[in-house]
Amino acid sequence: MSIRKVSIDDIEIKKLTGRDMKLMITPESCGSEKLTFGIIWVPVGSTVKPCHSHPGTEEIIYICKGDGEAWVDGDITIFTTGDAILFPSGSKHMIRNIGDENCEVIFVYSPPTSPENYNFYPEIRFK
């Protein structure tokens, strides 16, 4: 089996509301079968919108840098650098940057998905 490597510089940025995203490891980029891996950057004061869910897919986020809040099915928690959060399959969720620097967040979906497959809930907002 050959090594499948992806460089962050070779991946196109997806400009989404409240964040920039790079989908690094995907079925399309290198043939992953069980997961998607990527990174997002959330500017100061921004919220990842709209609230959304991933049907049939779990998501884990790891906070590389920054401070924020995560909203999951109506519950809110504060996060900071070094924290990891699980968004269970089908859970409605979003995050926002409440710090004074951009948040850098790594995410993993299993099984693979992408923003084109999300369910959206624009009526749901942070309180």
Foldseek 3Di string as FASTA:
>chain_A
DDDQDWDPVVFDWDDAFQKIKTFTDACVRGNDAWKTKIKIKGFAFGKRDDFKFAAPKKKKKAWQAAWWWKAWQRDIDIDGHGDMDIRDHGITMIMHGHGDGIIMMMMMMTRYDDPVRIGHDNVDDDD
